[in-house]
Protein backbone atom coordinates (compact mmCIF):
# COMPACT_ATOMS: atom_id res chain seq x y z
CA LEU A 1 28.67 31.18 -8.81
CA TYR A 2 25.57 30.90 -6.60
CA PHE A 3 25.52 32.19 -3.05
CA SER A 4 23.08 33.58 -0.54
CA ALA A 5 22.95 36.80 1.40
CA GLN A 6 22.07 36.90 5.10
CA GLU A 7 18.52 38.09 4.33
CA GLY A 8 17.62 34.94 2.35
CA ILE A 9 18.38 36.20 -1.12
CA LEU A 10 19.83 33.75 -3.64
CA LEU A 11 22.34 35.50 -5.90
CA PHE A 12 24.13 34.43 -9.06
CA TYR A 13 27.44 35.87 -10.25
CA HIS A 14 28.16 35.28 -13.92
CA ILE A 15 31.93 35.66 -14.29
CA LYS A 16 33.61 35.84 -17.68
CA GLY A 17 37.24 36.90 -17.76
CA ARG A 18 37.48 40.16 -15.83
CA GLN A 19 33.80 40.96 -16.29
CA PHE A 20 31.03 39.91 -13.93
CA GLU A 21 27.32 40.40 -13.59
CA MET A 22 25.23 39.82 -10.47
CA ASN A 23 21.59 38.69 -10.65
CA VAL A 24 19.05 38.15 -7.88
CA CYS A 25 17.52 34.69 -8.46
CA ALA A 26 15.13 34.32 -5.54
CA ASP A 27 14.17 35.97 -2.25
CA ILE A 28 12.86 33.52 0.33
CA SER A 29 13.10 35.98 3.26
CA GLN A 30 14.75 33.40 5.55
CA PRO A 31 18.48 32.98 6.16
CA ILE A 32 19.78 30.18 3.93
CA SER A 33 22.09 27.76 5.75
CA SER A 34 23.13 25.63 2.76
CA LEU A 35 22.90 25.30 -1.01
CA ILE A 36 23.15 21.86 -2.64
CA PHE A 37 23.12 21.15 -6.38
CA SER A 38 21.62 17.95 -7.77
CA PRO A 39 24.13 15.59 -9.43
CA ASP A 40 23.07 16.82 -12.89
CA TYR A 41 23.07 20.49 -11.78
CA THR A 42 19.44 21.05 -12.79
CA VAL A 43 18.03 21.64 -9.28
CA LEU A 44 19.39 23.60 -6.35
CA LEU A 45 18.18 22.81 -2.82
CA LEU A 46 18.04 25.79 -0.46
CA VAL A 47 17.96 24.81 3.22
CA THR A 48 17.01 27.55 5.70
CA ASP A 49 17.89 28.08 9.35
CA GLN A 50 14.19 27.78 10.21
CA GLY A 51 13.71 24.27 8.84
CA THR A 52 12.38 24.88 5.36
CA VAL A 53 13.71 23.41 2.12
CA TYR A 54 13.15 25.13 -1.23
CA THR A 55 13.99 24.01 -4.76
CA TYR A 56 15.27 26.35 -7.43
CA LYS A 57 15.75 25.39 -11.08
CA PRO A 58 18.41 27.69 -12.60
CA ALA A 59 17.52 26.87 -16.22
CA HIS A 60 13.88 27.82 -15.64
CA GLY A 61 14.53 30.96 -13.59
CA GLY A 62 11.53 32.10 -11.61
CA GLU A 63 11.12 31.82 -7.89
CA ALA A 64 12.25 29.17 -5.45
CA VAL A 65 9.47 26.70 -4.60
CA LYS A 66 8.84 25.69 -0.98
CA LEU A 67 9.17 21.93 -0.83
CA LEU A 68 9.45 20.92 2.81
CA GLU A 69 8.76 22.54 6.14
CA THR A 70 9.47 20.92 9.46
CA CYS A 71 7.35 21.53 12.52
CA SER A 72 9.11 19.62 15.27
CA SER A 73 12.78 20.26 14.63
CA CYS A 74 14.81 22.32 12.20
CA PHE A 75 16.58 20.67 9.30
CA LEU A 76 20.29 20.51 9.88
CA ALA A 77 21.18 19.32 6.39
CA ALA A 78 19.70 17.97 3.17
CA ASP A 79 21.19 16.37 0.09
CA PHE A 80 20.16 14.52 -3.04
CA LEU A 81 20.03 10.73 -3.14
CA THR A 82 21.90 9.56 -6.20
CA PRO A 83 21.72 8.46 -8.91
CA GLY A 84 19.32 11.03 -10.25
CA ASN A 85 17.61 13.96 -8.59
CA LYS A 86 14.14 12.64 -7.70
CA TYR A 87 14.78 12.12 -3.99
CA CYS A 88 16.53 13.90 -1.17
CA VAL A 89 17.47 12.95 2.37
CA SER A 90 17.36 15.31 5.32
CA VAL A 91 18.35 15.18 8.95
CA THR A 92 16.90 17.30 11.73
CA ILE A 93 18.66 18.55 14.84
CA SER A 94 16.63 16.06 16.88
CA GLY A 95 18.11 13.18 14.85
CA GLU A 96 15.27 12.31 12.48
CA VAL A 97 16.47 11.18 9.04
CA GLN A 98 13.87 11.47 6.28
CA VAL A 99 13.72 10.57 2.59
CA TRP A 100 11.61 12.88 0.42
CA PHE A 101 10.17 12.72 -3.09
CA LEU A 102 11.19 16.06 -4.61
CA GLU A 103 8.35 16.33 -7.12
CA ASP A 104 5.69 16.94 -4.47
CA GLY A 105 7.47 16.93 -1.09
CA THR A 106 6.07 13.57 0.03
CA CYS A 107 7.93 12.00 2.94
CA LEU A 108 8.70 8.42 1.88
CA SER A 109 10.61 7.15 4.89
CA LYS A 110 11.74 8.17 8.39
CA LEU A 111 14.34 6.90 10.80
CA ASN A 112 14.84 8.30 14.28
CA LEU A 113 18.47 8.09 15.41
CA ASP A 114 17.48 8.73 19.05
CA ILE A 115 20.33 11.21 19.40
CA GLU A 116 20.70 14.95 18.88
CA VAL A 117 22.66 15.75 15.72
CA CYS A 118 25.06 18.68 15.48
CA VAL A 119 26.87 18.29 12.13
């Protein structure tokens, strides 16, 4: 079970029967608004309240890697484009939809909806 604390800490609970163990996976020091697993569960996207997207690879451990950072408007949501886990799509509060290459954070495409997005 992965979840985040208010302070931007990604935590993992390993639960087996009545036993559990909690591990700190990453500390990004920004409140995390959503966690999204890739379809094959190898990559976890961490979206922050401040408009930054990080990737975390559970099998590799280590720290979360900053992938995207918005300047003009905060990310409202992000998700993987399937099949696979090479691309993600994000939407900002201002209504800009973007497609990203996850390997290096390159923005591949943008579409402005010309409307403020709330959900």
